[in-house]
Amino acid sequence: MTSPTFWNDQEKAREIIAELKGLNTVLKPFEDLVRQAGNLEASIELAEEAGTREFDDEVRAACQQAEADFTAFEFRSMLGGPNDHCNAFVTIHAGAGGTEACDWAEMLMRMYLMWAESKGFKAEITDREDGGAAGVQEVSLHIKGEYAYGYLRGETGVHRLVRISPYDSAARRHTSFASVDVLPEVDETIDIVLRDEDLKRDVFRSGGPGGQHQNKTESGVRYTHLPTGVAAESRSERSQHKNDANALALLKAKLIRMEEEKREAEYAKKYDEKGDVSFGNQIRSYVLQPYQLVKDLRTSHEVGNPRAVLDGEIDGFIEAYLRMKLAKGSADLARA
C-alpha cells in the first residue's frame, strides 16, 4: 500500500484494502492479547518476588480482564465471512394468522431494535406495513454497526411463538409464525453493477397512520431488478431522493445475498440446512405458555426466560450459531 503505484489499479487496490481490513480485525486484537499476556506475566512475577498478598487483587483483576478479552477475541474471530463486517438490513414478515401473527412480527422488531441499542448500534425503520388491528405485516430495519451482519446473519429463518393470545376472548393458546431475513449492506469494495435498462422504477404515495403524518406526495420508491425479479422499496422518508437511495441500497443488498446463496448452496445442502425462508422450517421457538422457554432448533441452545430474550438478550443464540458453523467448517476441512 505504500507503493507510489498502488492506486494505479483502483479495483485491485480496493481488493487489497478489503483484505487488510479483514486481517486487521483478527491480527490487531491478537497483538493486544499478546501484550496483555506479557504484562500479566510481569505482574505475577512482581507479586511472587514481593512475597506478600499486596498484589493479589491487582493480579486477580488483570486475570479476569484477560479472560474476558480473550473470550471477546474468540467470538470476533468467528466473524470471518466476506460480508460479516457490513451493516445489516433485517426484514420481518408476519406469517398466516392475521392480527396474532402481525403482533408477533412487531415483537420481533422490538427485540432486534433493543438488541441493537444494547450494542450501541444505530437502528432505523426503513419500511413498515402495518398489520391492521395491531402489529406489522412487514417491516425492514437498517442496523448500522461494526459486524452487524456477522452477528445477525444466523437469525434468518422462521421464528415460532406459542402463547395465550391477548386477542382471543376465550384465552386459548395460539401458535404464530414470522420470518426474518438478514442481508448485508453492500459497501464500496463489492462491485454490484445495476444497469439502467435492468431496473424498473415506480413511485407511490407513502401511506401512514393518517392526520398530520399522512404523506400526501408520491415519495415512496420501488425498484425492480428485471433480470431476477428482485424488488426493494422505501417509504420511510418524506424526501423521494432519500427513499430512492434507500431502495437502491436495499436492492443491492438483496442481489449480493442471492450471489452468496448460490455459492453456499452446496455447503447448505451438504449439512441439510434450510436454504429458503419457509413456514414449515422453524429455526427457533418462543414458548410463553404452558411453560416458558426459548429454544434454537439448530443448536439446541435454550433460555428459560423468554422476556429477557424478547427484550433483546439474544447474544447466547448468536454465539451458539456461530460456534456451530465454525465446528462444521473445521470438520469439513478435516475431511478434505
Protein backbone atom coordinates (compact mmCIF):
# COMPACT_ATOMS: atom_id res chain seq x y z
CA MET A 1 0.00 0.00 0.00
CA THR A 2 2.97 2.34 0.44
CA SER A 3 3.96 1.85 -3.20
CA PRO A 4 3.55 5.02 -5.31
CA THR A 5 1.79 2.91 -7.95
CA PHE A 6 -0.68 1.38 -5.50
CA TRP A 7 -3.69 3.34 -6.82
CA ASN A 8 -2.86 2.83 -10.50
CA ASP A 9 -5.18 -0.19 -10.49
CA GLN A 10 -8.07 1.01 -8.34
CA GLU A 11 -10.01 -2.25 -8.45
CA LYS A 12 -7.02 -4.24 -7.21
CA ALA A 13 -6.30 -1.55 -4.59
CA ARG A 14 -9.83 -1.85 -3.20
CA GLU A 15 -9.45 -5.64 -3.01
CA ILE A 16 -6.22 -5.27 -1.03
CA ILE A 17 -7.77 -2.74 1.34
CA ALA A 18 -10.72 -5.07 1.93
CA GLU A 19 -8.35 -7.95 2.59
CA LEU A 20 -6.31 -5.83 5.01
CA LYS A 21 -9.46 -4.80 6.85
CA GLY A 22 -10.43 -8.42 7.37
CA LEU A 23 -6.94 -9.40 8.54
CA ASN A 24 -6.67 -6.50 10.98
CA THR A 25 -9.90 -7.46 12.72
CA VAL A 26 -8.07 -10.57 13.93
CA LEU A 27 -4.38 -9.57 13.95
CA LYS A 28 -4.65 -6.33 15.93
CA PRO A 29 -6.74 -7.80 18.77
CA PHE A 30 -4.36 -10.80 18.80
CA GLU A 31 -1.37 -8.50 19.17
CA ASP A 32 -3.17 -6.72 22.02
CA LEU A 33 -3.73 -10.07 23.74
CA VAL A 34 -0.04 -10.95 23.42
CA ARG A 35 0.93 -7.65 25.04
CA GLN A 36 -1.67 -8.14 27.73
CA ALA A 37 -0.31 -11.62 28.48
CA GLY A 38 3.21 -10.20 28.79
CA ASN A 39 2.05 -7.54 31.22
CA LEU A 40 0.14 -10.12 33.24
CA GLU A 41 3.18 -12.39 33.42
CA ALA A 42 5.29 -9.47 34.66
CA SER A 43 2.69 -8.61 37.31
CA ILE A 44 2.66 -12.21 38.56
CA GLU A 45 6.48 -12.28 38.76
CA LEU A 46 6.45 -8.99 40.69
CA ALA A 47 3.88 -10.37 43.13
CA GLU A 48 5.93 -13.53 43.65
CA GLU A 49 9.08 -11.52 44.31
CA ALA A 50 7.24 -9.36 46.84
CA GLY A 51 6.28 -12.47 48.78
CA THR A 52 3.14 -10.78 50.14
CA ARG A 53 -0.54 -10.62 49.19
CA GLU A 54 -0.20 -6.95 48.35
CA PHE A 55 -0.70 -7.53 44.62
CA ASP A 56 -3.35 -10.28 44.81
CA ASP A 57 -6.33 -8.09 43.97
CA GLU A 58 -4.48 -6.43 41.11
CA VAL A 59 -3.39 -9.75 39.59
CA ARG A 60 -6.85 -11.27 40.03
CA ALA A 61 -8.50 -8.31 38.28
CA ALA A 62 -5.94 -8.49 35.46
CA CYS A 63 -6.63 -12.22 35.00
CA GLN A 64 -10.37 -11.63 34.83
CA GLN A 65 -9.90 -8.87 32.27
CA ALA A 66 -7.57 -11.04 30.18
CA GLU A 67 -10.10 -13.87 30.19
CA ALA A 68 -12.91 -11.51 29.14
CA ASP A 69 -10.78 -10.02 26.36
CA PHE A 70 -9.81 -13.48 25.09
CA THR A 71 -13.46 -14.57 25.04
CA ALA A 72 -14.36 -11.45 23.04
CA PHE A 73 -11.45 -12.11 20.66
CA GLU A 74 -12.51 -15.72 20.18
CA PHE A 75 -16.06 -14.60 19.41
CA ARG A 76 -14.91 -11.93 16.94
CA SER A 77 -12.65 -14.42 15.15
CA MET A 78 -15.77 -16.42 14.23
CA LEU A 79 -16.99 -13.48 12.13
CA GLY A 80 -14.85 -14.31 9.12
CA GLY A 81 -17.39 -14.16 6.30
CA PRO A 82 -16.73 -11.82 3.37
CA ASN A 83 -19.60 -9.51 4.37
CA ASP A 84 -19.64 -10.05 8.13
CA HIS A 85 -18.19 -6.58 8.74
CA CYS A 86 -21.12 -4.89 6.95
CA ASN A 87 -24.18 -3.15 8.31
CA ALA A 88 -27.38 -5.20 8.08
CA PHE A 89 -30.87 -4.98 6.66
CA VAL A 90 -33.37 -7.02 8.70
CA THR A 91 -36.78 -7.72 7.15
CA ILE A 92 -39.56 -9.32 9.18
CA HIS A 93 -42.70 -10.79 7.57
CA ALA A 94 -45.79 -11.86 9.51
CA GLY A 95 -46.99 -15.36 8.71
CA ALA A 96 -50.52 -16.61 8.37
CA GLY A 97 -52.73 -15.85 11.33
CA GLY A 98 -53.93 -12.28 10.93
CA THR A 99 -53.60 -9.97 13.92
CA GLU A 100 -51.85 -12.59 16.06
CA ALA A 101 -49.03 -13.07 13.52
CA CYS A 102 -48.70 -9.31 12.92
CA ASP A 103 -48.34 -8.72 16.64
CA TRP A 104 -45.61 -11.40 16.77
CA ALA A 105 -43.76 -9.71 13.90
CA GLU A 106 -43.81 -6.43 15.84
CA MET A 107 -42.49 -8.21 18.95
CA LEU A 108 -39.55 -9.48 16.88
CA MET A 109 -38.98 -5.97 15.51
CA ARG A 110 -38.80 -4.65 19.08
CA MET A 111 -36.41 -7.46 20.05
CA TYR A 112 -33.91 -6.58 17.31
CA LEU A 113 -34.19 -2.85 17.99
CA MET A 114 -33.44 -3.43 21.68
CA TRP A 115 -30.54 -5.75 20.81
CA ALA A 116 -29.07 -3.09 18.51
CA GLU A 117 -29.42 -0.46 21.24
CA SER A 118 -27.62 -2.71 23.73
CA LYS A 119 -24.71 -2.99 21.27
CA GLY A 120 -24.52 0.75 20.72
CA PHE A 121 -25.61 0.27 17.10
CA LYS A 122 -27.82 2.67 15.20
CA ALA A 123 -31.13 1.21 14.02
CA GLU A 124 -33.92 2.74 11.98
CA ILE A 125 -37.12 1.51 10.40
CA THR A 126 -36.78 1.97 6.64
CA ASP A 127 -40.09 0.43 5.61
CA ARG A 128 -43.19 -0.58 7.55
CA GLU A 129 -46.55 -2.00 6.54
CA ASP A 130 -48.95 -2.02 9.46
CA GLY A 131 -50.97 -5.12 10.18
CA GLY A 132 -54.38 -3.55 10.55
CA ALA A 133 -55.72 -4.05 14.06
CA ALA A 134 -52.25 -4.41 15.59
CA GLY A 135 -48.62 -5.15 14.79
CA VAL A 136 -46.91 -5.13 11.41
CA GLN A 137 -47.42 -7.18 8.28
CA GLU A 138 -43.87 -6.42 7.14
CA VAL A 139 -41.08 -4.21 8.43
CA SER A 140 -37.50 -3.53 7.35
CA LEU A 141 -34.77 -2.36 9.72
CA HIS A 142 -31.40 -0.83 8.84
CA ILE A 143 -28.93 -1.70 11.59
CA LYS A 144 -25.62 0.15 11.43
CA GLY A 145 -22.72 -1.10 13.50
CA GLU A 146 -19.43 -2.94 13.27
CA TYR A 147 -20.10 -6.56 12.25
CA ALA A 148 -23.89 -6.10 12.45
CA TYR A 149 -24.43 -8.54 9.57
CA GLY A 150 -21.96 -11.06 11.00
CA TYR A 151 -23.85 -11.10 14.29
CA LEU A 152 -27.33 -11.26 12.77
CA ARG A 153 -26.97 -13.49 9.71
CA GLY A 154 -27.88 -16.58 11.73
CA GLU A 155 -31.25 -15.01 12.60
CA THR A 156 -32.53 -15.70 9.08
CA GLY A 157 -35.40 -18.18 9.18
CA VAL A 158 -38.82 -18.77 10.69
CA HIS A 159 -39.49 -17.83 14.31
CA ARG A 160 -42.39 -19.52 16.12
CA LEU A 161 -44.36 -18.14 19.08
CA VAL A 162 -46.67 -20.12 21.40
CA ARG A 163 -48.74 -18.12 23.90
CA ILE A 164 -52.18 -17.35 25.26
CA SER A 165 -53.49 -14.88 22.71
CA PRO A 166 -54.35 -11.42 24.07
CA TYR A 167 -56.71 -11.10 21.09
CA ASP A 168 -58.72 -14.27 21.88
CA SER A 169 -61.68 -13.63 24.20
CA ALA A 170 -61.64 -17.34 25.10
CA ALA A 171 -57.98 -17.08 26.20
CA ARG A 172 -56.89 -20.01 24.04
CA ARG A 173 -53.30 -20.87 23.21
CA HIS A 174 -52.17 -19.80 19.73
CA THR A 175 -49.13 -20.56 17.60
CA SER A 176 -47.82 -17.75 15.38
CA PHE A 177 -45.06 -17.56 12.80
CA ALA A 178 -42.90 -14.78 11.38
CA SER A 179 -39.96 -14.98 9.01
CA VAL A 180 -36.76 -13.00 9.41
CA ASP A 181 -34.37 -12.27 6.55
CA VAL A 182 -30.98 -10.63 7.12
CA LEU A 183 -28.98 -9.01 4.31
CA PRO A 184 -25.60 -7.25 4.32
CA GLU A 185 -25.40 -3.61 3.31
CA VAL A 186 -23.02 -3.84 0.39
CA ASP A 187 -20.06 -1.48 0.77
CA GLU A 188 -17.97 0.14 -1.95
CA THR A 189 -15.45 -2.71 -2.01
CA ILE A 190 -18.07 -5.06 -3.51
CA ASP A 191 -18.82 -4.48 -7.15
CA ILE A 192 -22.54 -4.64 -7.90
CA VAL A 193 -23.45 -3.16 -11.27
CA LEU A 194 -27.06 -2.06 -11.72
CA ARG A 195 -27.66 -1.08 -15.33
CA ASP A 196 -30.45 1.38 -16.01
CA GLU A 197 -32.02 -0.90 -18.60
CA ASP A 198 -32.29 -3.68 -15.97
CA LEU A 199 -34.20 -1.52 -13.50
CA LYS A 200 -37.88 -0.64 -13.27
CA ARG A 201 -38.61 2.33 -11.01
CA ASP A 202 -42.04 3.01 -9.50
CA VAL A 203 -43.12 5.81 -7.20
CA PHE A 204 -46.14 5.73 -4.93
CA ARG A 205 -47.75 7.56 -2.05
CA SER A 206 -46.33 6.57 1.31
CA GLY A 207 -49.35 5.73 3.41
CA GLY A 208 -49.24 6.44 7.12
CA PRO A 209 -51.49 6.42 10.17
CA GLY A 210 -53.35 9.49 8.96
CA GLY A 211 -53.65 13.04 10.23
CA GLN A 212 -50.54 15.17 10.16
CA HIS A 213 -48.39 12.11 9.50
CA GLN A 214 -50.11 11.20 6.25
CA ASN A 215 -47.77 11.60 3.29
CA LYS A 216 -49.64 13.48 0.56
CA THR A 217 -46.93 13.20 -2.13
CA GLU A 218 -45.56 10.31 -4.15
CA SER A 219 -42.34 9.98 -2.17
CA GLY A 220 -42.22 6.19 -1.88
CA VAL A 221 -39.85 4.45 -4.34
CA ARG A 222 -39.76 0.85 -5.51
CA TYR A 223 -37.04 -0.64 -7.72
CA THR A 224 -37.43 -3.95 -9.52
CA HIS A 225 -34.41 -5.74 -11.00
CA LEU A 226 -35.89 -7.10 -14.21
CA PRO A 227 -33.44 -9.99 -14.88
CA THR A 228 -34.09 -11.53 -11.45
CA GLY A 229 -37.45 -10.09 -10.44
CA VAL A 230 -35.98 -8.93 -7.12
CA ALA A 231 -37.68 -5.80 -5.77
CA ALA A 232 -36.92 -3.35 -2.98
CA GLU A 233 -38.77 -0.30 -1.77
CA SER A 234 -38.54 2.51 0.76
CA ARG A 235 -41.28 4.76 2.03
CA SER A 236 -40.00 5.95 5.42
CA GLU A 237 -38.58 9.30 4.29
CA ARG A 238 -40.58 12.35 3.18
CA SER A 239 -37.94 13.00 0.55
CA GLN A 240 -38.26 10.95 -2.62
CA HIS A 241 -34.50 11.36 -3.14
CA LYS A 242 -33.73 9.70 0.20
CA ASN A 243 -36.22 6.90 -0.44
CA ASP A 244 -34.63 6.37 -3.84
CA ALA A 245 -31.18 5.92 -2.28
CA ASN A 246 -32.54 3.62 0.43
CA ALA A 247 -34.38 1.44 -2.09
CA LEU A 248 -31.29 1.11 -4.30
CA ALA A 249 -29.11 0.18 -1.30
CA LEU A 250 -31.60 -2.50 -0.24
CA LEU A 251 -31.82 -3.83 -3.80
CA LYS A 252 -28.03 -4.15 -3.97
CA ALA A 253 -28.06 -5.98 -0.65
CA LYS A 254 -30.67 -8.44 -1.91
CA LEU A 255 -28.71 -9.15 -5.09
CA ILE A 256 -25.45 -9.77 -3.25
CA ARG A 257 -27.32 -12.09 -0.92
CA MET A 258 -28.57 -14.05 -3.93
CA GLU A 259 -24.98 -14.49 -5.12
CA GLU A 260 -23.90 -15.59 -1.64
CA GLU A 261 -26.69 -18.15 -1.50
CA LYS A 262 -25.64 -19.60 -4.86
CA ARG A 263 -22.08 -20.09 -3.60
CA GLU A 264 -23.25 -21.56 -0.31
CA ALA A 265 -25.98 -23.78 -1.79
CA GLU A 266 -23.76 -26.84 -1.97
CA TYR A 267 -22.50 -26.32 1.57
CA ALA A 268 -26.01 -25.79 2.93
CA LYS A 269 -27.33 -28.88 1.14
CA LYS A 270 -24.45 -30.96 2.47
CA TYR A 271 -25.36 -30.15 6.05
CA ASP A 272 -29.10 -30.28 5.44
CA GLU A 273 -29.61 -26.64 6.35
CA LYS A 274 -32.61 -24.61 5.28
CA GLY A 275 -31.89 -22.64 2.14
CA ASP A 276 -35.10 -20.59 1.80
CA VAL A 277 -37.37 -18.99 4.36
CA SER A 278 -40.44 -21.21 4.60
CA PHE A 279 -43.10 -21.54 7.23
CA GLY A 280 -42.54 -25.27 7.63
CA ASN A 281 -38.98 -24.87 8.86
CA GLN A 282 -38.68 -23.09 12.18
CA ILE A 283 -35.24 -22.17 13.46
CA ARG A 284 -36.37 -21.05 16.92
CA SER A 285 -39.39 -21.48 19.18
CA TYR A 286 -40.51 -18.96 21.78
CA VAL A 287 -42.90 -20.67 24.21
CA LEU A 288 -44.72 -18.47 26.75
CA GLN A 289 -47.47 -20.98 27.60
CA PRO A 290 -47.86 -23.63 29.07
CA TYR A 291 -44.19 -23.25 30.11
CA GLN A 292 -41.56 -20.64 29.40
CA LEU A 293 -38.66 -21.48 27.11
CA VAL A 294 -36.88 -20.14 24.04
CA LYS A 295 -35.02 -22.84 22.12
CA ASP A 296 -33.00 -22.74 18.91
CA LEU A 297 -33.74 -25.90 16.96
CA ARG A 298 -30.40 -25.83 15.09
CA THR A 299 -28.02 -25.51 18.03
CA SER A 300 -30.26 -26.70 20.92
CA HIS A 301 -29.29 -23.55 22.83
CA GLU A 302 -32.15 -22.61 25.14
CA VAL A 303 -33.09 -19.91 27.64
CA GLY A 304 -35.76 -20.24 30.31
CA ASN A 305 -36.51 -16.52 30.43
CA PRO A 306 -38.42 -15.54 27.26
CA ARG A 307 -38.96 -11.98 28.50
CA ALA A 308 -35.22 -11.32 28.61
CA VAL A 309 -34.83 -12.72 25.09
CA LEU A 310 -37.69 -10.61 23.75
CA ASP A 311 -36.02 -7.61 25.41
CA GLY A 312 -33.02 -8.12 23.13
CA GLU A 313 -30.82 -10.59 25.02
CA ILE A 314 -30.05 -12.85 22.05
CA ASP A 315 -26.24 -12.97 22.20
CA GLY A 316 -26.32 -16.55 23.51
CA PHE A 317 -28.22 -17.71 20.42
CA ILE A 318 -25.90 -15.75 18.13
CA GLU A 319 -22.76 -17.23 19.66
CA ALA A 320 -24.17 -20.78 19.65
CA TYR A 321 -24.95 -20.48 15.93
CA LEU A 322 -21.50 -19.10 15.08
CA ARG A 323 -19.80 -21.86 17.07
CA MET A 324 -21.89 -24.47 15.26
CA LYS A 325 -20.89 -23.04 11.88
CA LEU A 326 -17.25 -22.89 12.96
CA ALA A 327 -17.30 -26.51 14.13
CA LYS A 328 -18.89 -27.70 10.87
CA GLY A 329 -16.39 -25.72 8.82
CA SER A 330 -13.49 -27.25 10.76
CA ALA A 331 -14.93 -30.75 10.31
CA ASP A 332 -15.29 -30.14 6.59
CA LEU A 333 -11.65 -29.04 6.33
CA ALA A 334 -10.52 -32.11 8.30
CA ARG A 335 -12.39 -34.43 5.94
CA ALA A 336 -10.92 -32.64 2.92
